[in-house]
Amino acid sequence: MVYDYPALEKLWATLASYLGHFKWADSYRLQAGLFKHYGFLKRFFSVQTGRRIQALYKVPAKIPSLRLQERYFRTRFPTDVLLFQVGGYYEFFRGDDKDAGMLGLNKVTCRCGRKVQYGFPVRMEKPFVKKIMSAVKTVTVVGESDRYLTRIKELLPRYSLVQLV
């Protein structure tokens, strides 16, 4: 699944319009039916109290640090192997020992304070993704966007691959 952000923004606007109309009627079952019939919506959006829609593919603006963005995506994709792009590398943080060991990566020493344990260059993405897909069922690649939250770039999922059994 490739994340097409312009299409997701249009989908968000359409969903917000529907929920705005639903607000004027007793339509809880209609809203629940919408999310049940179109199950993929749960991967991208959640409806908060007051029928506000939260885009789950974006990091909330109140999460400015790289470590907090990493934790956010860990909660969003708990069963996936996550590859985080930071500059020209994909990095694994503490707690990713099992995933990095599966790829045969050696520990790196980083004096940047990000608690990076393992990593590999972006140019090696395809072979590592193939290796992950042969051992695990799902991988999600989280890349940098051009938008800065504070001193760091915003991370956004680029694509997810699911191995069908």
N, C-alpha and C. Protein backbone atom coordinates (compact mmCIF):
# COMPACT_ATOMS: atom_id res chain seq x y z
N MET A 1 0.85 -1.16 0.00
CA MET A 1 0.00 0.00 0.00
C MET A 1 0.90 1.24 0.00
N VAL A 2 0.72 2.07 -0.98
CA VAL A 2 1.46 3.32 -1.08
C VAL A 2 0.59 4.44 -0.54
N TYR A 3 1.17 5.30 0.27
CA TYR A 3 0.43 6.41 0.85
C TYR A 3 0.44 7.59 -0.13
N ASP A 4 -0.69 7.85 -0.77
CA ASP A 4 -0.85 8.95 -1.70
C ASP A 4 -1.48 10.10 -0.91
N TYR A 5 -0.67 11.05 -0.45
CA TYR A 5 -1.15 12.08 0.46
C TYR A 5 -2.18 13.04 -0.15
N PRO A 6 -2.06 13.46 -1.40
CA PRO A 6 -3.15 14.27 -1.97
C PRO A 6 -4.49 13.52 -2.00
N ALA A 7 -4.45 12.23 -2.33
CA ALA A 7 -5.69 11.44 -2.34
C ALA A 7 -6.23 11.27 -0.93
N LEU A 8 -5.34 11.08 0.04
CA LEU A 8 -5.79 10.94 1.43
C LEU A 8 -6.41 12.23 1.95
N GLU A 9 -5.87 13.37 1.54
CA GLU A 9 -6.46 14.65 1.96
C GLU A 9 -7.87 14.82 1.37
N LYS A 10 -8.05 14.42 0.11
CA LYS A 10 -9.38 14.48 -0.51
C LYS A 10 -10.35 13.53 0.19
N LEU A 11 -9.86 12.33 0.53
CA LEU A 11 -10.69 11.37 1.24
C LEU A 11 -11.08 11.91 2.62
N TRP A 12 -10.14 12.55 3.29
CA TRP A 12 -10.41 13.16 4.60
C TRP A 12 -11.50 14.22 4.47
N ALA A 13 -11.40 15.07 3.45
CA ALA A 13 -12.40 16.12 3.24
C ALA A 13 -13.78 15.52 2.95
N THR A 14 -13.82 14.47 2.15
CA THR A 14 -15.10 13.82 1.84
C THR A 14 -15.71 13.18 3.08
N LEU A 15 -14.87 12.50 3.85
CA LEU A 15 -15.35 11.87 5.08
C LEU A 15 -15.83 12.91 6.08
N ALA A 16 -15.13 14.02 6.19
CA ALA A 16 -15.55 15.11 7.08
C ALA A 16 -16.89 15.68 6.64
N SER A 17 -17.10 15.78 5.34
CA SER A 17 -18.36 16.27 4.82
C SER A 17 -19.51 15.32 5.17
N TYR A 18 -19.27 14.02 4.96
CA TYR A 18 -20.30 13.04 5.31
C TYR A 18 -20.63 13.11 6.80
N LEU A 19 -19.60 13.14 7.64
CA LEU A 19 -19.85 13.15 9.08
C LEU A 19 -20.51 14.46 9.51
N GLY A 20 -20.24 15.54 8.80
CA GLY A 20 -20.93 16.80 9.08
C GLY A 20 -22.42 16.69 8.81
N HIS A 21 -22.77 16.00 7.73
CA HIS A 21 -24.19 15.78 7.42
C HIS A 21 -24.82 14.80 8.41
N PHE A 22 -24.03 13.77 8.80
CA PHE A 22 -24.55 12.78 9.74
C PHE A 22 -24.85 13.40 11.10
N LYS A 23 -24.18 14.49 11.42
CA LYS A 23 -24.32 15.13 12.72
C LYS A 23 -25.77 15.57 12.98
N TRP A 24 -26.48 15.88 11.94
CA TRP A 24 -27.84 16.41 12.07
C TRP A 24 -28.90 15.33 12.19
N ALA A 25 -28.51 14.10 12.14
CA ALA A 25 -29.48 13.01 12.26
C ALA A 25 -28.95 12.00 13.28
N ASP A 26 -29.80 11.14 13.74
CA ASP A 26 -29.37 10.07 14.63
C ASP A 26 -28.71 9.01 13.76
N SER A 27 -27.42 9.14 13.55
CA SER A 27 -26.77 8.34 12.51
C SER A 27 -25.57 7.55 13.01
N TYR A 28 -25.55 7.17 14.27
CA TYR A 28 -24.43 6.40 14.79
C TYR A 28 -24.24 5.11 14.01
N ARG A 29 -25.34 4.40 13.72
CA ARG A 29 -25.23 3.14 12.99
C ARG A 29 -24.76 3.37 11.56
N LEU A 30 -25.15 4.47 10.95
CA LEU A 30 -24.71 4.78 9.60
C LEU A 30 -23.21 5.03 9.57
N GLN A 31 -22.71 5.78 10.56
CA GLN A 31 -21.27 6.05 10.65
C GLN A 31 -20.50 4.76 10.91
N ALA A 32 -20.99 3.94 11.85
CA ALA A 32 -20.33 2.66 12.15
C ALA A 32 -20.35 1.76 10.92
N GLY A 33 -21.46 1.77 10.18
CA GLY A 33 -21.56 0.97 8.96
C GLY A 33 -20.59 1.42 7.90
N LEU A 34 -20.36 2.72 7.82
CA LEU A 34 -19.40 3.26 6.86
C LEU A 34 -18.00 2.72 7.13
N PHE A 35 -17.59 2.74 8.41
CA PHE A 35 -16.26 2.24 8.76
C PHE A 35 -16.19 0.72 8.69
N LYS A 36 -17.32 0.05 8.87
CA LYS A 36 -17.33 -1.42 8.77
C LYS A 36 -17.25 -1.84 7.30
N HIS A 37 -18.03 -1.20 6.46
CA HIS A 37 -18.06 -1.55 5.03
C HIS A 37 -16.75 -1.19 4.34
N TYR A 38 -16.18 -0.06 4.68
CA TYR A 38 -14.90 0.38 4.12
C TYR A 38 -13.84 0.28 5.21
N GLY A 39 -13.42 -0.95 5.47
CA GLY A 39 -12.50 -1.23 6.57
C GLY A 39 -11.16 -0.52 6.48
N PHE A 40 -10.73 -0.19 5.27
CA PHE A 40 -9.45 0.49 5.11
C PHE A 40 -9.44 1.87 5.76
N LEU A 41 -10.62 2.46 5.98
CA LEU A 41 -10.69 3.79 6.59
C LEU A 41 -10.09 3.79 7.99
N LYS A 42 -10.19 2.66 8.70
CA LYS A 42 -9.65 2.57 10.06
C LYS A 42 -8.13 2.69 10.08
N ARG A 43 -7.47 2.33 8.99
CA ARG A 43 -6.02 2.43 8.93
C ARG A 43 -5.57 3.89 8.79
N PHE A 44 -6.44 4.73 8.22
CA PHE A 44 -6.05 6.11 7.94
C PHE A 44 -6.70 7.15 8.86
N PHE A 45 -7.90 6.86 9.37
CA PHE A 45 -8.65 7.87 10.13
C PHE A 45 -9.26 7.26 11.38
N SER A 46 -9.45 8.12 12.40
CA SER A 46 -10.27 7.74 13.55
C SER A 46 -11.19 8.91 13.85
N VAL A 47 -12.37 8.57 14.36
CA VAL A 47 -13.35 9.61 14.68
C VAL A 47 -13.29 9.84 16.18
N GLN A 48 -12.96 11.07 16.57
CA GLN A 48 -12.85 11.44 17.97
C GLN A 48 -14.22 11.84 18.50
N THR A 49 -14.28 12.08 19.79
CA THR A 49 -15.53 12.56 20.38
C THR A 49 -15.89 13.89 19.72
N GLY A 50 -17.16 14.11 19.54
CA GLY A 50 -17.59 15.31 18.83
C GLY A 50 -17.49 15.14 17.33
N ARG A 51 -17.25 13.91 16.88
CA ARG A 51 -17.17 13.56 15.45
C ARG A 51 -16.07 14.30 14.70
N ARG A 52 -14.99 14.60 15.39
CA ARG A 52 -13.82 15.16 14.72
C ARG A 52 -12.99 14.02 14.15
N ILE A 53 -12.47 14.21 12.97
CA ILE A 53 -11.69 13.17 12.31
C ILE A 53 -10.21 13.43 12.53
N GLN A 54 -9.50 12.41 12.99
CA GLN A 54 -8.06 12.51 13.14
C GLN A 54 -7.41 11.69 12.04
N ALA A 55 -6.48 12.31 11.32
CA ALA A 55 -5.74 11.61 10.28
C ALA A 55 -4.61 10.84 10.95
N LEU A 56 -4.69 9.52 10.95
CA LEU A 56 -3.72 8.69 11.65
C LEU A 56 -2.41 8.53 10.88
N TYR A 57 -2.38 8.91 9.64
CA TYR A 57 -1.16 8.79 8.85
C TYR A 57 -0.22 9.96 9.08
N LYS A 58 -0.69 10.98 9.77
CA LYS A 58 0.14 12.15 10.09
C LYS A 58 0.50 12.15 11.56
N VAL A 59 1.69 12.63 11.85
CA VAL A 59 2.09 12.80 13.24
C VAL A 59 1.44 14.08 13.75
N PRO A 60 0.77 14.03 14.91
CA PRO A 60 0.19 15.26 15.45
C PRO A 60 1.27 16.32 15.68
N ALA A 61 0.91 17.56 15.51
CA ALA A 61 1.87 18.67 15.62
C ALA A 61 2.48 18.77 17.01
N LYS A 62 1.82 18.22 18.02
CA LYS A 62 2.35 18.30 19.38
C LYS A 62 3.46 17.29 19.63
N ILE A 63 3.85 16.51 18.62
CA ILE A 63 4.92 15.53 18.76
C ILE A 63 6.12 16.00 17.94
N PRO A 64 7.00 16.82 18.52
CA PRO A 64 8.05 17.43 17.72
C PRO A 64 9.35 16.62 17.63
N SER A 65 9.64 15.72 18.56
CA SER A 65 10.95 15.07 18.55
C SER A 65 10.92 13.78 17.75
N LEU A 66 12.08 13.37 17.28
CA LEU A 66 12.20 12.15 16.49
C LEU A 66 11.80 10.93 17.30
N ARG A 67 12.22 10.88 18.55
CA ARG A 67 11.91 9.75 19.41
C ARG A 67 10.39 9.62 19.62
N LEU A 68 9.71 10.74 19.83
CA LEU A 68 8.27 10.71 20.03
C LEU A 68 7.54 10.32 18.74
N GLN A 69 8.06 10.78 17.59
CA GLN A 69 7.48 10.36 16.31
C GLN A 69 7.64 8.85 16.13
N GLU A 70 8.79 8.33 16.51
CA GLU A 70 9.04 6.89 16.42
C GLU A 70 8.06 6.13 17.31
N ARG A 71 7.84 6.60 18.52
CA ARG A 71 6.88 5.95 19.42
C ARG A 71 5.47 6.02 18.84
N TYR A 72 5.11 7.15 18.24
CA TYR A 72 3.78 7.28 17.64
C TYR A 72 3.57 6.22 16.57
N PHE A 73 4.54 6.05 15.68
CA PHE A 73 4.38 5.05 14.62
C PHE A 73 4.45 3.63 15.16
N ARG A 74 5.14 3.41 16.27
CA ARG A 74 5.14 2.09 16.91
C ARG A 74 3.73 1.73 17.40
N THR A 75 3.01 2.72 17.92
CA THR A 75 1.64 2.45 18.37
C THR A 75 0.69 2.31 17.18
N ARG A 76 0.95 3.01 16.09
CA ARG A 76 0.10 2.93 14.90
C ARG A 76 0.27 1.61 14.16
N PHE A 77 1.51 1.09 14.12
CA PHE A 77 1.80 -0.14 13.39
C PHE A 77 2.51 -1.12 14.34
N PRO A 78 1.79 -1.67 15.32
CA PRO A 78 2.45 -2.46 16.36
C PRO A 78 3.04 -3.79 15.88
N THR A 79 2.50 -4.38 14.84
CA THR A 79 2.98 -5.69 14.39
C THR A 79 3.94 -5.58 13.21
N ASP A 80 4.15 -4.39 12.68
CA ASP A 80 5.00 -4.21 11.50
C ASP A 80 6.46 -4.04 11.91
N VAL A 81 7.35 -4.43 11.00
CA VAL A 81 8.74 -4.03 11.11
C VAL A 81 8.81 -2.63 10.51
N LEU A 82 9.29 -1.67 11.29
CA LEU A 82 9.32 -0.27 10.84
C LEU A 82 10.73 0.14 10.46
N LEU A 83 10.85 0.73 9.29
CA LEU A 83 12.12 1.32 8.85
C LEU A 83 11.96 2.83 8.89
N PHE A 84 12.77 3.50 9.69
CA PHE A 84 12.69 4.96 9.85
C PHE A 84 13.82 5.61 9.08
N GLN A 85 13.47 6.46 8.12
CA GLN A 85 14.49 7.18 7.37
C GLN A 85 14.88 8.43 8.15
N VAL A 86 16.17 8.56 8.37
CA VAL A 86 16.72 9.76 8.98
C VAL A 86 17.92 10.15 8.12
N GLY A 87 17.74 11.17 7.30
CA GLY A 87 18.79 11.56 6.37
C GLY A 87 18.96 10.50 5.31
N GLY A 88 20.18 10.04 5.13
CA GLY A 88 20.49 9.04 4.11
C GLY A 88 20.48 7.62 4.63
N TYR A 89 19.92 7.39 5.83
CA TYR A 89 19.92 6.07 6.44
C TYR A 89 18.54 5.68 6.94
N TYR A 90 18.33 4.38 7.02
CA TYR A 90 17.19 3.83 7.75
C TYR A 90 17.74 3.38 9.08
N GLU A 91 17.09 3.80 10.15
CA GLU A 91 17.61 3.53 11.49
C GLU A 91 16.65 2.68 12.29
N PHE A 92 17.23 1.86 13.16
CA PHE A 92 16.49 1.09 14.16
C PHE A 92 16.88 1.63 15.52
N PHE A 93 15.91 1.76 16.41
CA PHE A 93 16.16 2.32 17.73
C PHE A 93 16.19 1.20 18.76
N ARG A 94 16.39 1.56 20.02
CA ARG A 94 16.39 0.57 21.09
C ARG A 94 15.08 -0.20 21.07
N GLY A 95 15.17 -1.49 21.31
CA GLY A 95 13.99 -2.34 21.29
C GLY A 95 13.80 -3.03 19.95
N ASP A 96 14.60 -2.68 18.96
CA ASP A 96 14.50 -3.29 17.64
C ASP A 96 15.58 -4.35 17.42
N ASP A 97 16.12 -4.88 18.50
CA ASP A 97 17.23 -5.83 18.39
C ASP A 97 16.85 -7.07 17.57
N LYS A 98 15.64 -7.56 17.77
CA LYS A 98 15.19 -8.75 17.05
C LYS A 98 15.14 -8.50 15.54
N ASP A 99 14.54 -7.35 15.17
CA ASP A 99 14.43 -7.02 13.74
C ASP A 99 15.79 -6.80 13.12
N ALA A 100 16.66 -6.08 13.80
CA ALA A 100 17.99 -5.80 13.26
C ALA A 100 18.83 -7.08 13.20
N GLY A 101 18.67 -7.96 14.19
CA GLY A 101 19.39 -9.22 14.19
C GLY A 101 18.99 -10.09 13.02
N MET A 102 17.70 -10.05 12.66
CA MET A 102 17.19 -10.81 11.53
C MET A 102 17.86 -10.34 10.23
N LEU A 103 18.17 -9.05 10.15
CA LEU A 103 18.78 -8.49 8.94
C LEU A 103 20.30 -8.62 8.94
N GLY A 104 20.87 -9.08 10.05
CA GLY A 104 22.31 -9.24 10.13
C GLY A 104 23.05 -7.92 10.26
N LEU A 105 22.42 -6.93 10.87
CA LEU A 105 23.05 -5.62 11.04
C LEU A 105 23.92 -5.60 12.28
N ASN A 106 25.02 -4.88 12.21
CA ASN A 106 25.89 -4.69 13.36
C ASN A 106 25.49 -3.43 14.10
N LYS A 107 25.77 -3.40 15.40
CA LYS A 107 25.45 -2.21 16.18
C LYS A 107 26.33 -1.05 15.72
N VAL A 108 25.74 0.14 15.75
CA VAL A 108 26.50 1.35 15.39
C VAL A 108 26.63 2.21 16.64
N THR A 109 27.66 3.02 16.63
CA THR A 109 27.81 3.97 17.72
C THR A 109 27.46 5.34 17.18
N CYS A 110 26.50 5.97 17.80
CA CYS A 110 26.04 7.28 17.36
C CYS A 110 26.16 8.23 18.53
N ARG A 111 26.83 9.33 18.33
CA ARG A 111 26.99 10.32 19.40
C ARG A 111 25.97 11.44 19.27
N CYS A 112 24.92 11.17 18.52
CA CYS A 112 23.93 12.21 18.25
C CYS A 112 22.85 12.28 19.34
N GLY A 113 22.82 11.31 20.26
CA GLY A 113 21.84 11.33 21.33
C GLY A 113 20.49 10.75 20.96
N ARG A 114 20.37 10.12 19.78
CA ARG A 114 19.07 9.58 19.35
C ARG A 114 18.87 8.13 19.76
N LYS A 115 19.86 7.53 20.41
CA LYS A 115 19.77 6.13 20.84
C LYS A 115 19.62 5.18 19.65
N VAL A 116 20.30 5.49 18.57
CA VAL A 116 20.28 4.64 17.38
C VAL A 116 21.14 3.42 17.68
N GLN A 117 20.62 2.25 17.38
CA GLN A 117 21.35 1.01 17.62
C GLN A 117 21.86 0.39 16.31
N TYR A 118 21.04 0.44 15.27
CA TYR A 118 21.35 -0.21 14.00
C TYR A 118 20.91 0.69 12.87
N GLY A 119 21.48 0.47 11.69
CA GLY A 119 21.07 1.25 10.53
C GLY A 119 21.70 0.73 9.25
N PHE A 120 21.16 1.19 8.13
CA PHE A 120 21.72 0.88 6.83
C PHE A 120 21.38 2.02 5.88
N PRO A 121 22.17 2.21 4.80
CA PRO A 121 21.93 3.31 3.87
C PRO A 121 20.62 3.14 3.10
N VAL A 122 20.03 4.27 2.72
CA VAL A 122 18.76 4.26 1.97
C VAL A 122 18.92 3.52 0.66
N ARG A 123 20.08 3.59 0.04
CA ARG A 123 20.28 2.93 -1.25
C ARG A 123 20.17 1.40 -1.15
N MET A 124 20.23 0.86 0.08
CA MET A 124 20.12 -0.58 0.29
C MET A 124 18.70 -1.00 0.69
N GLU A 125 17.73 -0.10 0.48
CA GLU A 125 16.35 -0.35 0.92
C GLU A 125 15.75 -1.62 0.31
N LYS A 126 15.83 -1.79 -0.99
CA LYS A 126 15.16 -2.92 -1.65
C LYS A 126 15.65 -4.27 -1.15
N PRO A 127 16.97 -4.51 -1.07
CA PRO A 127 17.39 -5.83 -0.57
C PRO A 127 16.97 -6.10 0.88
N PHE A 128 17.00 -5.06 1.72
CA PHE A 128 16.60 -5.26 3.11
C PHE A 128 15.09 -5.48 3.23
N VAL A 129 14.30 -4.78 2.43
CA VAL A 129 12.84 -4.99 2.46
C VAL A 129 12.52 -6.41 2.00
N LYS A 130 13.22 -6.91 0.97
CA LYS A 130 13.00 -8.28 0.52
C LYS A 130 13.33 -9.28 1.62
N LYS A 131 14.43 -9.02 2.33
CA LYS A 131 14.83 -9.90 3.42
C LYS A 131 13.80 -9.89 4.54
N ILE A 132 13.28 -8.73 4.86
CA ILE A 132 12.25 -8.62 5.91
C ILE A 132 10.99 -9.35 5.48
N MET A 133 10.58 -9.15 4.23
CA MET A 133 9.35 -9.77 3.73
C MET A 133 9.45 -11.30 3.71
N SER A 134 10.65 -11.84 3.53
CA SER A 134 10.79 -13.29 3.54
C SER A 134 10.67 -13.87 4.94
N ALA A 135 10.95 -13.05 5.97
CA ALA A 135 10.92 -13.54 7.35
C ALA A 135 9.68 -13.09 8.12
N VAL A 136 9.13 -11.94 7.79
CA VAL A 136 8.01 -11.37 8.53
C VAL A 136 6.89 -11.08 7.55
N LYS A 137 5.71 -10.81 8.06
CA LYS A 137 4.57 -10.61 7.18
C LYS A 137 4.37 -9.16 6.72
N THR A 138 4.76 -8.17 7.53
CA THR A 138 4.47 -6.78 7.19
C THR A 138 5.65 -5.88 7.48
N VAL A 139 5.92 -4.98 6.55
CA VAL A 139 6.96 -3.95 6.75
C VAL A 139 6.35 -2.62 6.35
N THR A 140 6.65 -1.59 7.14
CA THR A 140 6.21 -0.23 6.83
C THR A 140 7.44 0.66 6.79
N VAL A 141 7.59 1.40 5.71
CA VAL A 141 8.70 2.32 5.54
C VAL A 141 8.21 3.72 5.85
N VAL A 142 8.86 4.36 6.83
CA VAL A 142 8.50 5.70 7.27
C VAL A 142 9.62 6.62 6.82
N GLY A 143 9.29 7.55 5.91
CA GLY A 143 10.30 8.45 5.36
C GLY A 143 10.12 9.87 5.84
N GLU A 144 11.11 10.69 5.56
CA GLU A 144 11.07 12.09 5.93
C GLU A 144 10.27 12.88 4.90
N SER A 145 9.54 13.86 5.37
CA SER A 145 8.87 14.78 4.46
C SER A 145 9.71 16.05 4.35
N ASP A 146 9.25 17.00 3.57
CA ASP A 146 9.97 18.26 3.43
C ASP A 146 9.60 19.25 4.53
N ARG A 147 8.61 18.91 5.33
CA ARG A 147 8.10 19.82 6.36
C ARG A 147 8.86 19.61 7.67
N TYR A 148 9.29 20.70 8.29
CA TYR A 148 9.97 20.64 9.58
C TYR A 148 8.97 20.86 10.70
N LEU A 149 9.03 20.02 11.74
CA LEU A 149 8.19 20.22 12.91
C LEU A 149 8.87 21.19 13.87
N THR A 150 10.12 20.93 14.17
CA THR A 150 10.96 21.86 14.94
C THR A 150 12.29 21.91 14.21
N ARG A 151 13.31 21.30 14.77
CA ARG A 151 14.59 21.22 14.07
C ARG A 151 14.70 19.95 13.25
N ILE A 152 13.71 19.09 13.36
CA ILE A 152 13.74 17.83 12.63
C ILE A 152 12.59 17.76 11.63
N LYS A 153 12.76 16.92 10.64
CA LYS A 153 11.71 16.77 9.62
C LYS A 153 10.60 15.86 10.12
N GLU A 154 9.41 16.11 9.59
CA GLU A 154 8.26 15.29 9.92
C GLU A 154 8.41 13.94 9.22
N LEU A 155 8.10 12.88 9.94
CA LEU A 155 8.12 11.54 9.38
C LEU A 155 6.71 11.16 8.93
N LEU A 156 6.61 10.54 7.76
CA LEU A 156 5.33 10.08 7.23
C LEU A 156 5.52 8.68 6.65
N PRO A 157 4.53 7.80 6.81
CA PRO A 157 4.66 6.49 6.16
C PRO A 157 4.66 6.66 4.64
N ARG A 158 5.60 5.99 3.99
CA ARG A 158 5.65 6.04 2.52
C ARG A 158 4.89 4.87 1.91
N TYR A 159 5.13 3.68 2.45
CA TYR A 159 4.39 2.52 1.97
C TYR A 159 4.45 1.40 2.99
N SER A 160 3.48 0.50 2.89
CA SER A 160 3.43 -0.72 3.71
C SER A 160 3.32 -1.90 2.77
N LEU A 161 4.06 -2.94 3.06
CA LEU A 161 3.98 -4.17 2.29
C LEU A 161 3.50 -5.29 3.19
N VAL A 162 2.51 -6.03 2.73
CA VAL A 162 1.94 -7.13 3.49
C VAL A 162 2.13 -8.40 2.68
N GLN A 163 2.71 -9.41 3.32
CA GLN A 163 2.89 -10.68 2.65
C GLN A 163 1.60 -11.48 2.77
N LEU A 164 1.03 -11.83 1.64
CA LEU A 164 -0.20 -12.62 1.63
C LEU A 164 0.17 -14.09 1.68
N VAL A 165 -0.48 -14.80 2.58
CA VAL A 165 -0.16 -16.22 2.77
C VAL A 165 -1.16 -17.07 2.05
